[in-house]
Amino acid sequence: MISTIRKLIDEHGRLSVPASALEESQDLYETGLTSFAAVQLMLGLEDTFDIEFPERMLNRRSFASIASIAACLSELTPDIELKKYAS
């Protein structure tokens, strides 16, 4: 799952560094993630994982790091579904 999140960050995040260079807990906003890019990333995550983020997760904290994104996805997607995205 982490490798898929990193790929989507590279595609939608518009960061100045590749997602592979980031720690899982590193703040994506401090590395250049904008609000617009966060929305694009969210849409990419929803398409890839076939989920919809509930309103309670539509906040800066949910998309602040690779780890926080993974935590949201783990909550929204049954473990059996996550296996095909495991890193």
PDB file of N, CA and C in Angstrom:
ATOM      1  N   MET A   1       0.825  -1.189   0.000  1.00  0.00           N
ATOM      2  CA  MET A   1       0.000   0.000   0.000  1.00  0.00           C
ATOM      3  C   MET A   1       0.874   1.259   0.000  1.00  0.00           C
ATOM      4  N   ILE A   2       1.955   1.248   0.758  1.00  0.00           N
ATOM      5  CA  ILE A   2       2.810   2.423   0.855  1.00  0.00           C
ATOM      6  C   ILE A   2       3.405   2.769  -0.509  1.00  0.00           C
ATOM      7  N   SER A   3       3.814   1.768  -1.259  1.00  0.00           N
ATOM      8  CA  SER A   3       4.386   2.042  -2.587  1.00  0.00           C
ATOM      9  C   SER A   3       3.345   2.656  -3.520  1.00  0.00           C
ATOM     10  N   THR A   4       2.108   2.237  -3.399  1.00  0.00           N
ATOM     11  CA  THR A   4       1.027   2.815  -4.210  1.00  0.00           C
ATOM     12  C   THR A   4       0.776   4.264  -3.807  1.00  0.00           C
ATOM     13  N   ILE A   5       0.778   4.538  -2.507  1.00  0.00           N
ATOM     14  CA  ILE A   5       0.610   5.910  -2.027  1.00  0.00           C
ATOM     15  C   ILE A   5       1.747   6.777  -2.552  1.00  0.00           C
ATOM     16  N   ARG A   6       2.971   6.283  -2.472  1.00  0.00           N
ATOM     17  CA  ARG A   6       4.126   7.050  -2.977  1.00  0.00           C
ATOM     18  C   ARG A   6       3.973   7.342  -4.471  1.00  0.00           C
ATOM     19  N   LYS A   7       3.536   6.361  -5.231  1.00  0.00           N
ATOM     20  CA  LYS A   7       3.336   6.543  -6.671  1.00  0.00           C
ATOM     21  C   LYS A   7       2.304   7.646  -6.927  1.00  0.00           C
ATOM     22  N   LEU A   8       1.221   7.619  -6.186  1.00  0.00           N
ATOM     23  CA  LEU A   8       0.174   8.626  -6.353  1.00  0.00           C
ATOM     24  C   LEU A   8       0.644  10.010  -5.911  1.00  0.00           C
ATOM     25  N   ILE A   9       1.466  10.075  -4.885  1.00  0.00           N
ATOM     26  CA  ILE A   9       2.044  11.363  -4.475  1.00  0.00           C
ATOM     27  C   ILE A   9       2.911  11.910  -5.598  1.00  0.00           C
ATOM     28  N   ASP A  10       3.708  11.051  -6.219  1.00  0.00           N
ATOM     29  CA  ASP A  10       4.533  11.495  -7.350  1.00  0.00           C
ATOM     30  C   ASP A  10       3.667  11.995  -8.503  1.00  0.00           C
ATOM     31  N   GLU A  11       2.556  11.320  -8.756  1.00  0.00           N
ATOM     32  CA  GLU A  11       1.682  11.701  -9.873  1.00  0.00           C
ATOM     33  C   GLU A  11       0.879  12.964  -9.602  1.00  0.00           C
ATOM     34  N   HIS A  12       0.438  13.162  -8.353  1.00  0.00           N
ATOM     35  CA  HIS A  12      -0.501  14.248  -8.061  1.00  0.00           C
ATOM     36  C   HIS A  12       0.014  15.310  -7.091  1.00  0.00           C
ATOM     37  N   GLY A  13       1.053  14.989  -6.333  1.00  0.00           N
ATOM     38  CA  GLY A  13       1.486  15.873  -5.262  1.00  0.00           C
ATOM     39  C   GLY A  13       2.276  17.099  -5.678  1.00  0.00           C
ATOM     40  N   ARG A  14       2.902  17.029  -6.832  1.00  0.00           N
ATOM     41  CA  ARG A  14       3.706  18.151  -7.340  1.00  0.00           C
ATOM     42  C   ARG A  14       4.771  18.597  -6.336  1.00  0.00           C
ATOM     43  N   LEU A  15       5.411  17.631  -5.699  1.00  0.00           N
ATOM     44  CA  LEU A  15       6.460  17.948  -4.738  1.00  0.00           C
ATOM     45  C   LEU A  15       7.786  18.128  -5.474  1.00  0.00           C
ATOM     46  N   SER A  16       8.695  18.832  -4.834  1.00  0.00           N
ATOM     47  CA  SER A  16      10.005  19.072  -5.447  1.00  0.00           C
ATOM     48  C   SER A  16      10.950  17.889  -5.268  1.00  0.00           C
ATOM     49  N   VAL A  17      10.561  16.920  -4.454  1.00  0.00           N
ATOM     50  CA  VAL A  17      11.363  15.713  -4.237  1.00  0.00           C
ATOM     51  C   VAL A  17      10.499  14.492  -4.530  1.00  0.00           C
ATOM     52  N   PRO A  18      11.115  13.393  -4.958  1.00  0.00           N
ATOM     53  CA  PRO A  18      10.321  12.185  -5.188  1.00  0.00           C
ATOM     54  C   PRO A  18       9.795  11.622  -3.869  1.00  0.00           C
ATOM     55  N   ALA A  19       8.625  11.031  -3.919  1.00  0.00           N
ATOM     56  CA  ALA A  19       8.011  10.462  -2.722  1.00  0.00           C
ATOM     57  C   ALA A  19       8.883   9.372  -2.107  1.00  0.00           C
ATOM     58  N   SER A  20       9.689   8.719  -2.903  1.00  0.00           N
ATOM     59  CA  SER A  20      10.573   7.666  -2.386  1.00  0.00           C
ATOM     60  C   SER A  20      11.622   8.224  -1.426  1.00  0.00           C
ATOM     61  N   ALA A  21      11.887   9.523  -1.508  1.00  0.00           N
ATOM     62  CA  ALA A  21      12.876  10.153  -0.628  1.00  0.00           C
ATOM     63  C   ALA A  21      12.279  10.613   0.694  1.00  0.00           C
ATOM     64  N   LEU A  22      10.980  10.475   0.853  1.00  0.00           N
ATOM     65  CA  LEU A  22      10.298  10.970   2.044  1.00  0.00           C
ATOM     66  C   LEU A  22      10.139   9.873   3.094  1.00  0.00           C
ATOM     67  N   GLU A  23      10.275  10.265   4.357  1.00  0.00           N
ATOM     68  CA  GLU A  23       9.949   9.377   5.467  1.00  0.00           C
ATOM     69  C   GLU A  23       8.432   9.246   5.512  1.00  0.00           C
ATOM     70  N   GLU A  24       7.931   8.133   6.008  1.00  0.00           N
ATOM     71  CA  GLU A  24       6.483   7.937   6.069  1.00  0.00           C
ATOM     72  C   GLU A  24       5.794   8.966   6.961  1.00  0.00           C
ATOM     73  N   SER A  25       6.490   9.484   7.951  1.00  0.00           N
ATOM     74  CA  SER A  25       5.894  10.453   8.863  1.00  0.00           C
ATOM     75  C   SER A  25       6.191  11.907   8.487  1.00  0.00           C
ATOM     76  N   GLN A  26       6.943  12.108   7.417  1.00  0.00           N
ATOM     77  CA  GLN A  26       7.327  13.466   7.004  1.00  0.00           C
ATOM     78  C   GLN A  26       6.110  14.263   6.535  1.00  0.00           C
ATOM     79  N   ASP A  27       6.046  15.538   6.919  1.00  0.00           N
ATOM     80  CA  ASP A  27       4.925  16.407   6.588  1.00  0.00           C
ATOM     81  C   ASP A  27       4.951  16.754   5.095  1.00  0.00           C
ATOM     82  N   LEU A  28       3.933  16.305   4.381  1.00  0.00           N
ATOM     83  CA  LEU A  28       3.867  16.546   2.936  1.00  0.00           C
ATOM     84  C   LEU A  28       3.655  18.024   2.619  1.00  0.00           C
ATOM     85  N   TYR A  29       2.963  18.732   3.478  1.00  0.00           N
ATOM     86  CA  TYR A  29       2.734  20.167   3.250  1.00  0.00           C
ATOM     87  C   TYR A  29       4.035  20.948   3.375  1.00  0.00           C
ATOM     88  N   GLU A  30       4.902  20.536   4.284  1.00  0.00           N
ATOM     89  CA  GLU A  30       6.207  21.190   4.434  1.00  0.00           C
ATOM     90  C   GLU A  30       7.116  20.910   3.236  1.00  0.00           C
ATOM     91  N   THR A  31       6.854  19.829   2.523  1.00  0.00           N
ATOM     92  CA  THR A  31       7.664  19.512   1.344  1.00  0.00           C
ATOM     93  C   THR A  31       7.047  20.070   0.061  1.00  0.00           C
ATOM     94  N   GLY A  32       5.949  20.823   0.197  1.00  0.00           N
ATOM     95  CA  GLY A  32       5.396  21.519  -0.964  1.00  0.00           C
ATOM     96  C   GLY A  32       4.003  21.127  -1.407  1.00  0.00           C
ATOM     97  N   LEU A  33       3.348  20.220  -0.696  1.00  0.00           N
ATOM     98  CA  LEU A  33       1.987  19.839  -1.079  1.00  0.00           C
ATOM     99  C   LEU A  33       1.047  21.026  -0.882  1.00  0.00           C
ATOM    100  N   THR A  34       0.337  21.403  -1.928  1.00  0.00           N
ATOM    101  CA  THR A  34      -0.627  22.495  -1.837  1.00  0.00           C
ATOM    102  C   THR A  34      -2.021  21.931  -1.605  1.00  0.00           C
ATOM    103  N   SER A  35      -2.952  22.794  -1.277  1.00  0.00           N
ATOM    104  CA  SER A  35      -4.338  22.355  -1.085  1.00  0.00           C
ATOM    105  C   SER A  35      -4.888  21.745  -2.367  1.00  0.00           C
ATOM    106  N   PHE A  36      -4.597  22.378  -3.502  1.00  0.00           N
ATOM    107  CA  PHE A  36      -5.071  21.858  -4.785  1.00  0.00           C
ATOM    108  C   PHE A  36      -4.480  20.476  -5.055  1.00  0.00           C
ATOM    109  N   ALA A  37      -3.178  20.332  -4.830  1.00  0.00           N
ATOM    110  CA  ALA A  37      -2.524  19.038  -5.057  1.00  0.00           C
ATOM    111  C   ALA A  37      -3.068  17.982  -4.097  1.00  0.00           C
ATOM    112  N   ALA A  38      -3.412  18.378  -2.869  1.00  0.00           N
ATOM    113  CA  ALA A  38      -3.986  17.434  -1.908  1.00  0.00           C
ATOM    114  C   ALA A  38      -5.330  16.909  -2.403  1.00  0.00           C
ATOM    115  N   VAL A  39      -6.127  17.787  -3.009  1.00  0.00           N
ATOM    116  CA  VAL A  39      -7.414  17.351  -3.568  1.00  0.00           C
ATOM    117  C   VAL A  39      -7.178  16.392  -4.728  1.00  0.00           C
ATOM    118  N   GLN A  40      -6.222  16.704  -5.586  1.00  0.00           N
ATOM    119  CA  GLN A  40      -5.907  15.820  -6.704  1.00  0.00           C
ATOM    120  C   GLN A  40      -5.410  14.463  -6.199  1.00  0.00           C
ATOM    121  N   LEU A  41      -4.587  14.485  -5.162  1.00  0.00           N
ATOM    122  CA  LEU A  41      -4.098  13.249  -4.545  1.00  0.00           C
ATOM    123  C   LEU A  41      -5.257  12.452  -3.965  1.00  0.00           C
ATOM    124  N   MET A  42      -6.166  13.131  -3.272  1.00  0.00           N
ATOM    125  CA  MET A  42      -7.332  12.461  -2.695  1.00  0.00           C
ATOM    126  C   MET A  42      -8.140  11.773  -3.790  1.00  0.00           C
ATOM    127  N   LEU A  43      -8.373  12.457  -4.892  1.00  0.00           N
ATOM    128  CA  LEU A  43      -9.138  11.872  -6.000  1.00  0.00           C
ATOM    129  C   LEU A  43      -8.410  10.664  -6.586  1.00  0.00           C
ATOM    130  N   GLY A  44      -7.101  10.757  -6.707  1.00  0.00           N
ATOM    131  CA  GLY A  44      -6.310   9.629  -7.192  1.00  0.00           C
ATOM    132  C   GLY A  44      -6.385   8.434  -6.250  1.00  0.00           C
ATOM    133  N   LEU A  45      -6.332   8.711  -4.955  1.00  0.00           N
ATOM    134  CA  LEU A  45      -6.459   7.640  -3.956  1.00  0.00           C
ATOM    135  C   LEU A  45      -7.835   6.992  -4.029  1.00  0.00           C
ATOM    136  N   GLU A  46      -8.873   7.812  -4.158  1.00  0.00           N
ATOM    137  CA  GLU A  46     -10.228   7.272  -4.247  1.00  0.00           C
ATOM    138  C   GLU A  46     -10.389   6.386  -5.474  1.00  0.00           C
ATOM    139  N   ASP A  47      -9.855   6.814  -6.607  1.00  0.00           N
ATOM    140  CA  ASP A  47      -9.954   6.006  -7.822  1.00  0.00           C
ATOM    141  C   ASP A  47      -9.165   4.707  -7.694  1.00  0.00           C
ATOM    142  N   THR A  48      -7.951   4.803  -7.206  1.00  0.00           N
ATOM    143  CA  THR A  48      -7.074   3.638  -7.113  1.00  0.00           C
ATOM    144  C   THR A  48      -7.590   2.592  -6.132  1.00  0.00           C
ATOM    145  N   PHE A  49      -8.036   3.043  -4.964  1.00  0.00           N
ATOM    146  CA  PHE A  49      -8.459   2.124  -3.916  1.00  0.00           C
ATOM    147  C   PHE A  49      -9.965   1.890  -3.903  1.00  0.00           C
ATOM    148  N   ASP A  50     -10.674   2.502  -4.843  1.00  0.00           N
ATOM    149  CA  ASP A  50     -12.128   2.349  -4.957  1.00  0.00           C
ATOM    150  C   ASP A  50     -12.829   2.638  -3.626  1.00  0.00           C
ATOM    151  N   ILE A  51     -12.504   3.802  -3.087  1.00  0.00           N
ATOM    152  CA  ILE A  51     -13.101   4.245  -1.823  1.00  0.00           C
ATOM    153  C   ILE A  51     -13.571   5.688  -1.990  1.00  0.00           C
ATOM    154  N   GLU A  52     -14.275   6.181  -0.982  1.00  0.00           N
ATOM    155  CA  GLU A  52     -14.631   7.593  -0.917  1.00  0.00           C
ATOM    156  C   GLU A  52     -14.328   8.063   0.496  1.00  0.00           C
ATOM    157  N   PHE A  53     -13.521   9.115   0.585  1.00  0.00           N
ATOM    158  CA  PHE A  53     -13.192   9.652   1.900  1.00  0.00           C
ATOM    159  C   PHE A  53     -14.429  10.315   2.493  1.00  0.00           C
ATOM    160  N   PRO A  54     -14.791   9.932   3.722  1.00  0.00           N
ATOM    161  CA  PRO A  54     -15.942  10.569   4.377  1.00  0.00           C
ATOM    162  C   PRO A  54     -15.572  11.999   4.784  1.00  0.00           C
ATOM    163  N   GLU A  55     -16.577  12.791   5.011  1.00  0.00           N
ATOM    164  CA  GLU A  55     -16.369  14.201   5.351  1.00  0.00           C
ATOM    165  C   GLU A  55     -15.433  14.376   6.550  1.00  0.00           C
ATOM    166  N   ARG A  56     -15.516  13.487   7.520  1.00  0.00           N
ATOM    167  CA  ARG A  56     -14.679  13.620   8.718  1.00  0.00           C
ATOM    168  C   ARG A  56     -13.183  13.469   8.411  1.00  0.00           C
ATOM    169  N   MET A  57     -12.844  12.890   7.260  1.00  0.00           N
ATOM    170  CA  MET A  57     -11.441  12.738   6.875  1.00  0.00           C
ATOM    171  C   MET A  57     -10.978  13.811   5.898  1.00  0.00           C
ATOM    172  N   LEU A  58     -11.853  14.691   5.520  1.00  0.00           N
ATOM    173  CA  LEU A  58     -11.494  15.737   4.560  1.00  0.00           C
ATOM    174  C   LEU A  58     -10.872  16.908   5.309  1.00  0.00           C
ATOM    175  N   ASN A  59      -9.659  16.674   5.776  1.00  0.00           N
ATOM    176  CA  ASN A  59      -8.925  17.704   6.507  1.00  0.00           C
ATOM    177  C   ASN A  59      -7.440  17.548   6.258  1.00  0.00           C
ATOM    178  N   ARG A  60      -6.704  18.550   6.633  1.00  0.00           N
ATOM    179  CA  ARG A  60      -5.262  18.587   6.398  1.00  0.00           C
ATOM    180  C   ARG A  60      -4.541  17.416   7.072  1.00  0.00           C
ATOM    181  N   ARG A  61      -4.968  17.045   8.280  1.00  0.00           N
ATOM    182  CA  ARG A  61      -4.320  15.949   9.018  1.00  0.00           C
ATOM    183  C   ARG A  61      -4.338  14.636   8.245  1.00  0.00           C
ATOM    184  N   SER A  62      -5.438  14.356   7.563  1.00  0.00           N
ATOM    185  CA  SER A  62      -5.578  13.074   6.866  1.00  0.00           C
ATOM    186  C   SER A  62      -4.571  12.909   5.737  1.00  0.00           C
ATOM    187  N   PHE A  63      -4.117  14.027   5.162  1.00  0.00           N
ATOM    188  CA  PHE A  63      -3.218  13.979   4.012  1.00  0.00           C
ATOM    189  C   PHE A  63      -1.851  14.588   4.332  1.00  0.00           C
ATOM    190  N   ALA A  64      -1.541  14.722   5.609  1.00  0.00           N
ATOM    191  CA  ALA A  64      -0.315  15.390   6.028  1.00  0.00           C
ATOM    192  C   ALA A  64       0.944  14.544   5.821  1.00  0.00           C
ATOM    193  N   SER A  65       0.800  13.227   5.764  1.00  0.00           N
ATOM    194  CA  SER A  65       1.968  12.357   5.608  1.00  0.00           C
ATOM    195  C   SER A  65       1.545  11.050   4.935  1.00  0.00           C
ATOM    196  N   ILE A  66       2.523  10.325   4.499  1.00  0.00           N
ATOM    197  CA  ILE A  66       2.257   9.006   3.924  1.00  0.00           C
ATOM    198  C   ILE A  66       1.607   8.118   4.985  1.00  0.00           C
ATOM    199  N   ALA A  67       2.102   8.211   6.211  1.00  0.00           N
ATOM    200  CA  ALA A  67       1.557   7.394   7.308  1.00  0.00           C
ATOM    201  C   ALA A  67       0.095   7.748   7.596  1.00  0.00           C
ATOM    202  N   SER A  68      -0.246   9.035   7.573  1.00  0.00           N
ATOM    203  CA  SER A  68      -1.631   9.419   7.861  1.00  0.00           C
ATOM    204  C   SER A  68      -2.565   8.992   6.733  1.00  0.00           C
ATOM    205  N   ILE A  69      -2.090   9.051   5.503  1.00  0.00           N
ATOM    206  CA  ILE A  69      -2.891   8.573   4.370  1.00  0.00           C
ATOM    207  C   ILE A  69      -3.109   7.069   4.498  1.00  0.00           C
ATOM    208  N   ALA A  70      -2.047   6.338   4.824  1.00  0.00           N
ATOM    209  CA  ALA A  70      -2.159   4.883   4.983  1.00  0.00           C
ATOM    210  C   ALA A  70      -3.130   4.532   6.110  1.00  0.00           C
ATOM    211  N   ALA A  71      -3.119   5.306   7.198  1.00  0.00           N
ATOM    212  CA  ALA A  71      -4.037   5.044   8.311  1.00  0.00           C
ATOM    213  C   ALA A  71      -5.483   5.239   7.860  1.00  0.00           C
ATOM    214  N   CYS A  72      -5.739   6.278   7.095  1.00  0.00           N
ATOM    215  CA  CYS A  72      -7.095   6.509   6.580  1.00  0.00           C
ATOM    216  C   CYS A  72      -7.526   5.375   5.664  1.00  0.00           C
ATOM    217  N   LEU A  73      -6.634   4.974   4.763  1.00  0.00           N
ATOM    218  CA  LEU A  73      -6.967   3.899   3.830  1.00  0.00           C
ATOM    219  C   LEU A  73      -7.212   2.583   4.565  1.00  0.00           C
ATOM    220  N   SER A  74      -6.422   2.323   5.583  1.00  0.00           N
ATOM    221  CA  SER A  74      -6.604   1.091   6.364  1.00  0.00           C
ATOM    222  C   SER A  74      -7.958   1.068   7.051  1.00  0.00           C
ATOM    223  N   GLU A  75      -8.393   2.231   7.496  1.00  0.00           N
ATOM    224  CA  GLU A  75      -9.701   2.318   8.146  1.00  0.00           C
ATOM    225  C   GLU A  75     -10.841   2.146   7.139  1.00  0.00           C
ATOM    226  N   LEU A  76     -10.642   2.631   5.917  1.00  0.00           N
ATOM    227  CA  LEU A  76     -11.713   2.624   4.920  1.00  0.00           C
ATOM    228  C   LEU A  76     -11.786   1.362   4.076  1.00  0.00           C
ATOM    229  N   THR A  77     -10.699   0.611   4.044  1.00  0.00           N
ATOM    230  CA  THR A  77     -10.624  -0.535   3.148  1.00  0.00           C
ATOM    231  C   THR A  77     -10.363  -1.803   3.953  1.00  0.00           C
ATOM    232  N   PRO A  78     -11.164  -2.826   3.776  1.00  0.00           N
ATOM    233  CA  PRO A  78     -10.930  -4.086   4.503  1.00  0.00           C
ATOM    234  C   PRO A  78      -9.532  -4.640   4.219  1.00  0.00           C
ATOM    235  N   ASP A  79      -8.937  -5.281   5.197  1.00  0.00           N
ATOM    236  CA  ASP A  79      -7.575  -5.827   5.070  1.00  0.00           C
ATOM    237  C   ASP A  79      -7.412  -6.702   3.837  1.00  0.00           C
ATOM    238  N   ILE A  80      -8.407  -7.447   3.521  1.00  0.00           N
ATOM    239  CA  ILE A  80      -8.309  -8.353   2.366  1.00  0.00           C
ATOM    240  C   ILE A  80      -8.085  -7.571   1.074  1.00  0.00           C
ATOM    241  N   GLU A  81      -8.669  -6.389   0.989  1.00  0.00           N
ATOM    242  CA  GLU A  81      -8.491  -5.545  -0.189  1.00  0.00           C
ATOM    243  C   GLU A  81      -7.105  -4.916  -0.215  1.00  0.00           C
ATOM    244  N   LEU A  82      -6.532  -4.596   0.952  1.00  0.00           N
ATOM    245  CA  LEU A  82      -5.239  -3.937   1.011  1.00  0.00           C
ATOM    246  C   LEU A  82      -4.100  -4.847   0.580  1.00  0.00           C
ATOM    247  N   LYS A  83      -4.277  -6.160   0.656  1.00  0.00           N
ATOM    248  CA  LYS A  83      -3.203  -7.072   0.321  1.00  0.00           C
ATOM    249  C   LYS A  83      -2.672  -6.861  -1.084  1.00  0.00           C
ATOM    250  N   LYS A  84      -3.532  -6.532  -2.029  1.00  0.00           N
ATOM    251  CA  LYS A  84      -3.049  -6.357  -3.397  1.00  0.00           C
ATOM    252  C   LYS A  84      -2.262  -5.065  -3.580  1.00  0.00           C
ATOM    253  N   TYR A  85      -2.313  -4.162  -2.564  1.00  0.00           N
ATOM    254  CA  TYR A  85      -1.567  -2.915  -2.629  1.00  0.00           C
ATOM    255  C   TYR A  85      -0.384  -2.925  -1.668  1.00  0.00           C
ATOM    256  N   ALA A  86      -0.141  -4.023  -1.002  1.00  0.00           N
ATOM    257  CA  ALA A  86       0.920  -4.085   0.012  1.00  0.00           C
ATOM    258  C   ALA A  86       2.271  -3.799  -0.619  1.00  0.00           C
ATOM    259  N   SER A  87       3.101  -3.151   0.191  1.00  0.00           N
ATOM    260  CA  SER A  87       4.465  -2.867  -0.302  1.00  0.00           C
ATOM    261  C   SER A  87       5.460  -3.815   0.329  1.00  0.00           C
TER     262      SER A  87
END
